PDB file of N, CA and C in Angstrom:
ATOM      1  N   MET A   1     121.309 131.050 115.663  1.00  0.00           N
ATOM      2  CA  MET A   1     119.986 130.867 114.886  1.00  0.00           C
ATOM      3  C   MET A   1     120.312 130.381 113.428  1.00  0.00           C
ATOM      4  N   ARG A   2     120.863 129.971 112.742  1.00  0.00           N
ATOM      5  CA  ARG A   2     121.354 129.842 111.461  1.00  0.00           C
ATOM      6  C   ARG A   2     120.594 128.338 112.395  1.00  0.00           C
ATOM      7  N   ILE A   3     121.842 128.116 113.033  1.00  0.00           N
ATOM      8  CA  ILE A   3     122.224 125.947 113.082  1.00  0.00           C
ATOM      9  C   ILE A   3     120.954 125.310 112.883  1.00  0.00           C
ATOM     10  N   ARG A   4     119.715 126.276 114.517  1.00  0.00           N
ATOM     11  CA  ARG A   4     118.592 125.481 114.096  1.00  0.00           C
ATOM     12  C   ARG A   4     117.499 126.171 112.648  1.00  0.00           C
ATOM     13  N   ARG A   5     117.244 126.634 111.945  1.00  0.00           N
ATOM     14  CA  ARG A   5     117.048 126.857 110.937  1.00  0.00           C
ATOM     15  C   ARG A   5     117.411 125.659 109.788  1.00  0.00           C
ATOM     16  N   ILE A   6     118.562 125.645 109.844  1.00  0.00           N
ATOM     17  CA  ILE A   6     119.397 124.550 109.727  1.00  0.00           C
ATOM     18  C   ILE A   6     118.932 122.752 109.604  1.00  0.00           C
ATOM     19  N   LEU A   7     118.708 122.623 110.597  1.00  0.00           N
ATOM     20  CA  LEU A   7     118.405 121.508 111.347  1.00  0.00           C
ATOM     21  C   LEU A   7     116.982 121.288 110.881  1.00  0.00           C
ATOM     22  N   ALA A   8     116.186 122.676 111.309  1.00  0.00           N
ATOM     23  CA  ALA A   8     114.362 122.545 110.794  1.00  0.00           C
ATOM     24  C   ALA A   8     114.535 121.824 109.416  1.00  0.00           C
ATOM     25  N   ALA A   9     114.896 122.502 108.751  1.00  0.00           N
ATOM     26  CA  ALA A   9     114.766 122.531 106.896  1.00  0.00           C
ATOM     27  C   ALA A   9     115.275 120.870 106.943  1.00  0.00           C
ATOM     28  N   GLY A  10     116.230 120.367 107.385  1.00  0.00           N
ATOM     29  CA  GLY A  10     116.825 119.285 107.488  1.00  0.00           C
ATOM     30  C   GLY A  10     115.412 117.857 107.967  1.00  0.00           C
ATOM     31  N   ILE A  11     115.028 118.423 109.600  1.00  0.00           N
ATOM     32  CA  ILE A  11     113.913 117.379 109.401  1.00  0.00           C
ATOM     33  C   ILE A  11     112.680 117.412 108.512  1.00  0.00           C
ATOM     34  N   ALA A  12     112.520 118.857 108.469  1.00  0.00           N
ATOM     35  CA  ALA A  12     111.053 119.048 106.948  1.00  0.00           C
ATOM     36  C   ALA A  12     111.641 117.696 105.751  1.00  0.00           C
ATOM     37  N   THR A  13     112.643 117.565 105.626  1.00  0.00           N
ATOM     38  CA  THR A  13     112.602 117.426 104.146  1.00  0.00           C
ATOM     39  C   THR A  13     112.788 115.566 104.800  1.00  0.00           C
ATOM     40  N   ALA A  14     113.356 114.909 105.405  1.00  0.00           N
ATOM     41  CA  ALA A  14     113.136 113.314 105.989  1.00  0.00           C
ATOM     42  C   ALA A  14     112.005 113.097 105.979  1.00  0.00           C
ATOM     43  N   ALA A  15     111.212 114.187 106.995  1.00  0.00           N
ATOM     44  CA  ALA A  15     109.660 113.637 106.973  1.00  0.00           C
ATOM     45  C   ALA A  15     109.136 113.731 105.211  1.00  0.00           C
ATOM     46  N   LEU A  16     109.707 114.645 104.347  1.00  0.00           N
ATOM     47  CA  LEU A  16     108.536 114.435 103.153  1.00  0.00           C
ATOM     48  C   LEU A  16     109.186 113.108 102.942  1.00  0.00           C
ATOM     49  N   ALA A  17     110.117 113.097 102.631  1.00  0.00           N
ATOM     50  CA  ALA A  17     110.940 112.193 101.864  1.00  0.00           C
ATOM     51  C   ALA A  17     109.934 110.611 102.699  1.00  0.00           C
ATOM     52  N   GLY A  18     109.839 110.375 103.751  1.00  0.00           N
ATOM     53  CA  GLY A  18     109.446 109.661 104.412  1.00  0.00           C
ATOM     54  C   GLY A  18     108.103 109.485 103.434  1.00  0.00           C
ATOM     55  N   LEU A  19     107.027 110.440 103.707  1.00  0.00           N
ATOM     56  CA  LEU A  19     105.705 110.467 103.176  1.00  0.00           C
ATOM     57  C   LEU A  19     105.754 110.186 101.690  1.00  0.00           C
ATOM     58  N   GLY A  20     107.279 110.267 101.514  1.00  0.00           N
ATOM     59  CA  GLY A  20     106.921 109.742  99.359  1.00  0.00           C
ATOM     60  C   GLY A  20     106.877 108.337  99.247  1.00  0.00           C
ATOM     61  N   LEU A  21     108.091 107.923 100.534  1.00  0.00           N
ATOM     62  CA  LEU A  21     107.996 106.538 100.638  1.00  0.00           C
ATOM     63  C   LEU A  21     107.204 106.195 100.477  1.00  0.00           C
ATOM     64  N   THR A  22     106.413 106.233 101.488  1.00  0.00           N
ATOM     65  CA  THR A  22     105.237 105.706 102.319  1.00  0.00           C
ATOM     66  C   THR A  22     104.164 105.194 101.106  1.00  0.00           C
ATOM     67  N   GLY A  23     103.823 106.984 100.586  1.00  0.00           N
ATOM     68  CA  GLY A  23     102.879 106.228  99.197  1.00  0.00           C
ATOM     69  C   GLY A  23     103.379 105.526  97.909  1.00  0.00           C
ATOM     70  N   ALA A  24     104.765 105.976  98.019  1.00  0.00           N
ATOM     71  CA  ALA A  24     105.005 104.721  96.673  1.00  0.00           C
ATOM     72  C   ALA A  24     104.523 103.693  97.406  1.00  0.00           C
ATOM     73  N   ALA A  25     105.492 102.807  98.423  1.00  0.00           N
ATOM     74  CA  ALA A  25     104.657 101.689  98.887  1.00  0.00           C
ATOM     75  C   ALA A  25     102.854 100.866  98.806  1.00  0.00           C
ATOM     76  N   THR A  26     102.089 102.049  98.841  1.00  0.00           N
ATOM     77  CA  THR A  26     101.159 102.390  98.610  1.00  0.00           C
ATOM     78  C   THR A  26     100.714 102.012  97.868  1.00  0.00           C
ATOM     79  N   ALA A  27     101.092 102.529  96.564  1.00  0.00           N
ATOM     80  CA  ALA A  27     100.728 102.731  94.921  1.00  0.00           C
ATOM     81  C   ALA A  27     101.279 101.101  94.108  1.00  0.00           C
ATOM     82  N   THR A  28     102.178 100.835  94.955  1.00  0.00           N
ATOM     83  CA  THR A  28     102.008  99.655  94.511  1.00  0.00           C
ATOM     84  C   THR A  28     101.258  98.018  95.310  1.00  0.00           C
ATOM     85  N   ALA A  29     100.854  98.594  95.630  1.00  0.00           N
ATOM     86  CA  ALA A  29      99.742  97.652  96.585  1.00  0.00           C
ATOM     87  C   ALA A  29      98.923  97.221  96.030  1.00  0.00           C
ATOM     88  N   ASN A  30      98.173  98.325  95.236  1.00  0.00           N
ATOM     89  CA  ASN A  30      97.050  98.747  94.693  1.00  0.00           C
ATOM     90  C   ASN A  30      96.689  97.457  93.149  1.00  0.00           C
ATOM     91  N   ALA A  31      95.720  97.474  92.909  1.00  0.00           N
ATOM     92  CA  ALA A  31      95.869  96.184  91.351  1.00  0.00           C
ATOM     93  C   ALA A  31      96.008  97.104  89.762  1.00  0.00           C
ATOM     94  N   LEU A  32      96.658  96.303  89.701  1.00  0.00           N
ATOM     95  CA  LEU A  32      97.471  96.443  88.085  1.00  0.00           C
ATOM     96  C   LEU A  32      96.338  96.796  87.297  1.00  0.00           C
ATOM     97  N   THR A  33      95.631  97.952  86.377  1.00  0.00           N
ATOM     98  CA  THR A  33      95.331  98.128  85.261  1.00  0.00           C
ATOM     99  C   THR A  33      95.382  97.082  84.063  1.00  0.00           C
ATOM    100  N   PRO A  34      95.028  97.093  83.249  1.00  0.00           N
ATOM    101  CA  PRO A  34      94.991  95.528  82.138  1.00  0.00           C
ATOM    102  C   PRO A  34      96.632  95.997  80.940  1.00  0.00           C
ATOM    103  N   GLY A  35      96.071  97.164  81.240  1.00  0.00           N
ATOM    104  CA  GLY A  35      97.650  97.972  80.464  1.00  0.00           C
ATOM    105  C   GLY A  35      98.882  97.700  81.074  1.00  0.00           C
ATOM    106  N   GLU A  36      98.913  97.782  82.174  1.00  0.00           N
ATOM    107  CA  GLU A  36     100.299  97.202  83.341  1.00  0.00           C
ATOM    108  C   GLU A  36     100.352  96.079  82.811  1.00  0.00           C
ATOM    109  N   CYS A  37      99.539  95.045  83.030  1.00  0.00           N
ATOM    110  CA  CYS A  37      99.918  94.030  82.907  1.00  0.00           C
ATOM    111  C   CYS A  37     100.399  93.226  81.711  1.00  0.00           C
ATOM    112  N   VAL A  38     100.123  94.369  81.161  1.00  0.00           N
ATOM    113  CA  VAL A  38     100.215  93.544  79.235  1.00  0.00           C
ATOM    114  C   VAL A  38     101.726  94.439  79.191  1.00  0.00           C
ATOM    115  N   ASP A  39     101.865  95.617  79.500  1.00  0.00           N
ATOM    116  CA  ASP A  39     102.813  95.685  79.368  1.00  0.00           C
ATOM    117  C   ASP A  39     104.471  95.111  79.692  1.00  0.00           C
ATOM    118  N   GLY A  40     104.200  94.577  81.021  1.00  0.00           N
ATOM    119  CA  GLY A  40     104.927  93.985  82.053  1.00  0.00           C
ATOM    120  C   GLY A  40     104.941  92.571  81.204  1.00  0.00           C
ATOM    121  N   GLY A  41     104.633  92.008  79.997  1.00  0.00           N
ATOM    122  CA  GLY A  41     104.663  90.829  79.489  1.00  0.00           C
ATOM    123  C   GLY A  41     104.041  89.505  80.109  1.00  0.00           C
ATOM    124  N   GLY A  42     103.063  89.897  80.956  1.00  0.00           N
ATOM    125  CA  GLY A  42     101.896  88.943  80.834  1.00  0.00           C
ATOM    126  C   GLY A  42     100.535  88.979  79.962  1.00  0.00           C
ATOM    127  N   THR A  43      99.328  88.436  80.912  1.00  0.00           N
ATOM    128  CA  THR A  43      98.273  88.216  80.535  1.00  0.00           C
ATOM    129  C   THR A  43      97.263  88.630  81.335  1.00  0.00           C
ATOM    130  N   VAL A  44      96.336  89.142  80.947  1.00  0.00           N
ATOM    131  CA  VAL A  44      94.973  89.344  81.867  1.00  0.00           C
ATOM    132  C   VAL A  44      93.768  87.915  82.024  1.00  0.00           C
ATOM    133  N   ASP A  45      94.025  87.307  83.026  1.00  0.00           N
ATOM    134  CA  ASP A  45      92.607  86.675  82.999  1.00  0.00           C
ATOM    135  C   ASP A  45      91.964  86.595  83.579  1.00  0.00           C
ATOM    136  N   TRP A  46      90.394  87.160  83.173  1.00  0.00           N
ATOM    137  CA  TRP A  46      88.704  87.290  83.447  1.00  0.00           C
ATOM    138  C   TRP A  46      88.417  86.500  84.208  1.00  0.00           C
ATOM    139  N   THR A  47      88.976  85.143  84.399  1.00  0.00           N
ATOM    140  CA  THR A  47      88.160  84.139  85.208  1.00  0.00           C
ATOM    141  C   THR A  47      87.158  84.646  86.370  1.00  0.00           C
ATOM    142  N   PRO A  48      86.412  84.608  86.699  1.00  0.00           N
ATOM    143  CA  PRO A  48      85.709  85.379  87.541  1.00  0.00           C
ATOM    144  C   PRO A  48      86.249  84.001  89.311  1.00  0.00           C
ATOM    145  N   ASN A  49      86.659  85.337  89.731  1.00  0.00           N
ATOM    146  CA  ASN A  49      87.284  85.218  91.086  1.00  0.00           C
ATOM    147  C   ASN A  49      86.475  85.332  92.429  1.00  0.00           C
ATOM    148  N   PRO A  50      85.766  84.520  92.890  1.00  0.00           N
ATOM    149  CA  PRO A  50      84.538  84.689  94.333  1.00  0.00           C
ATOM    150  C   PRO A  50      84.854  85.742  94.739  1.00  0.00           C
ATOM    151  N   ALA A  51      86.393  85.366  95.147  1.00  0.00           N
ATOM    152  CA  ALA A  51      86.915  86.257  96.686  1.00  0.00           C
ATOM    153  C   ALA A  51      87.106  87.824  96.267  1.00  0.00           C
ATOM    154  N   ASN A  52      87.437  88.126  94.863  1.00  0.00           N
ATOM    155  CA  ASN A  52      87.723  89.335  94.343  1.00  0.00           C
ATOM    156  C   ASN A  52      86.933  89.679  93.607  1.00  0.00           C
ATOM    157  N   PRO A  53      85.196  89.676  93.724  1.00  0.00           N
ATOM    158  CA  PRO A  53      84.555  89.681  92.000  1.00  0.00           C
ATOM    159  C   PRO A  53      84.948  91.100  91.526  1.00  0.00           C
ATOM    160  N   GLY A  54      84.777  90.887  89.868  1.00  0.00           N
ATOM    161  CA  GLY A  54      84.836  92.018  89.036  1.00  0.00           C
ATOM    162  C   GLY A  54      86.553  92.265  88.549  1.00  0.00           C
ATOM    163  N   THR A  55      87.578  91.873  88.950  1.00  0.00           N
ATOM    164  CA  THR A  55      88.652  91.972  88.833  1.00  0.00           C
ATOM    165  C   THR A  55      89.328  90.663  88.026  1.00  0.00           C
ATOM    166  N   GLY A  56      90.633  90.660  87.969  1.00  0.00           N
ATOM    167  CA  GLY A  56      90.879  89.395  87.186  1.00  0.00           C
ATOM    168  C   GLY A  56      92.510  89.822  87.807  1.00  0.00           C
ATOM    169  N   THR A  57      92.991  88.479  87.143  1.00  0.00           N
ATOM    170  CA  THR A  57      94.694  88.147  87.590  1.00  0.00           C
ATOM    171  C   THR A  57      95.517  88.029  86.735  1.00  0.00           C
ATOM    172  N   CYS A  58      96.380  88.997  86.802  1.00  0.00           N
ATOM    173  CA  CYS A  58      97.909  88.915  86.009  1.00  0.00           C
ATOM    174  C   CYS A  58      98.547  87.988  85.634  1.00  0.00           C
ATOM    175  N   ARG A  59      98.940  87.070  85.077  1.00  0.00           N
ATOM    176  CA  ARG A  59      99.583  86.032  84.301  1.00  0.00           C
ATOM    177  C   ARG A  59     100.788  86.364  83.663  1.00  0.00           C
ATOM    178  N   GLY A  60     101.653  85.569  83.680  1.00  0.00           N
ATOM    179  CA  GLY A  60     103.149  86.215  84.058  1.00  0.00           C
ATOM    180  C   GLY A  60     103.556  87.128  83.663  1.00  0.00           C
ATOM    181  N   GLY A  61     105.137  87.577  83.783  1.00  0.00           N
ATOM    182  CA  GLY A  61     105.039  88.867  83.067  1.00  0.00           C
ATOM    183  C   GLY A  61     105.765  89.466  84.765  1.00  0.00           C
ATOM    184  N   THR A  62     105.990  90.546  84.735  1.00  0.00           N
ATOM    185  CA  THR A  62     106.451  91.862  85.755  1.00  0.00           C
ATOM    186  C   THR A  62     105.195  91.549  86.822  1.00  0.00           C
ATOM    187  N   GLY A  63     104.174  91.216  86.576  1.00  0.00           N
ATOM    188  CA  GLY A  63     103.302  91.501  88.058  1.00  0.00           C
ATOM    189  C   GLY A  63     102.526  89.633  87.753  1.00  0.00           C
ATOM    190  N   ASP A  64     102.884  88.995  87.527  1.00  0.00           N
ATOM    191  CA  ASP A  64     102.342  87.579  88.039  1.00  0.00           C
ATOM    192  C   ASP A  64     101.593  87.334  89.300  1.00  0.00           C
ATOM    193  N   GLY A  65     100.336  87.017  89.032  1.00  0.00           N
ATOM    194  CA  GLY A  65      99.341  87.089  90.386  1.00  0.00           C
ATOM    195  C   GLY A  65      98.998  88.089  90.596  1.00  0.00           C
ATOM    196  N   GLN A  66      99.323  89.226  90.279  1.00  0.00           N
ATOM    197  CA  GLN A  66      98.488  90.383  91.212  1.00  0.00           C
ATOM    198  C   GLN A  66      97.066  91.134  90.520  1.00  0.00           C
ATOM    199  N   ALA A  67      96.183  91.083  90.847  1.00  0.00           N
ATOM    200  CA  ALA A  67      95.192  91.396  90.719  1.00  0.00           C
ATOM    201  C   ALA A  67      94.971  92.774  89.909  1.00  0.00           C
ATOM    202  N   VAL A  68      93.872  92.818  88.715  1.00  0.00           N
ATOM    203  CA  VAL A  68      93.794  93.491  87.910  1.00  0.00           C
ATOM    204  C   VAL A  68      92.414  94.027  87.237  1.00  0.00           C
ATOM    205  N   ASP A  69      92.187  95.435  87.599  1.00  0.00           N
ATOM    206  CA  ASP A  69      90.964  96.090  87.329  1.00  0.00           C
ATOM    207  C   ASP A  69      90.896  97.230  86.566  1.00  0.00           C
TER     208      ASP A  69
END
C-alpha cells in the first residue's frame, strides 16, 4: 500500500512539473512589454507593421526581433 502511495505521489509530481514547463514555454512565446525590451538592452521600434498592427518590435538586446505590445 505504501508503494502505491509513493508511486502515485511521484506521478502527480511529474505531471505538475510537466505543466510548469509547458506554462514557461508559453510565457516566453508572448510579446514583450516595452520595459522588458529596454531592460534587456534593446529599444522599441514603433514603426507600423501591417502584419501585426498595434505592436512594435524590440531592436537589439536579448529580445531582438520579438514583438512588443
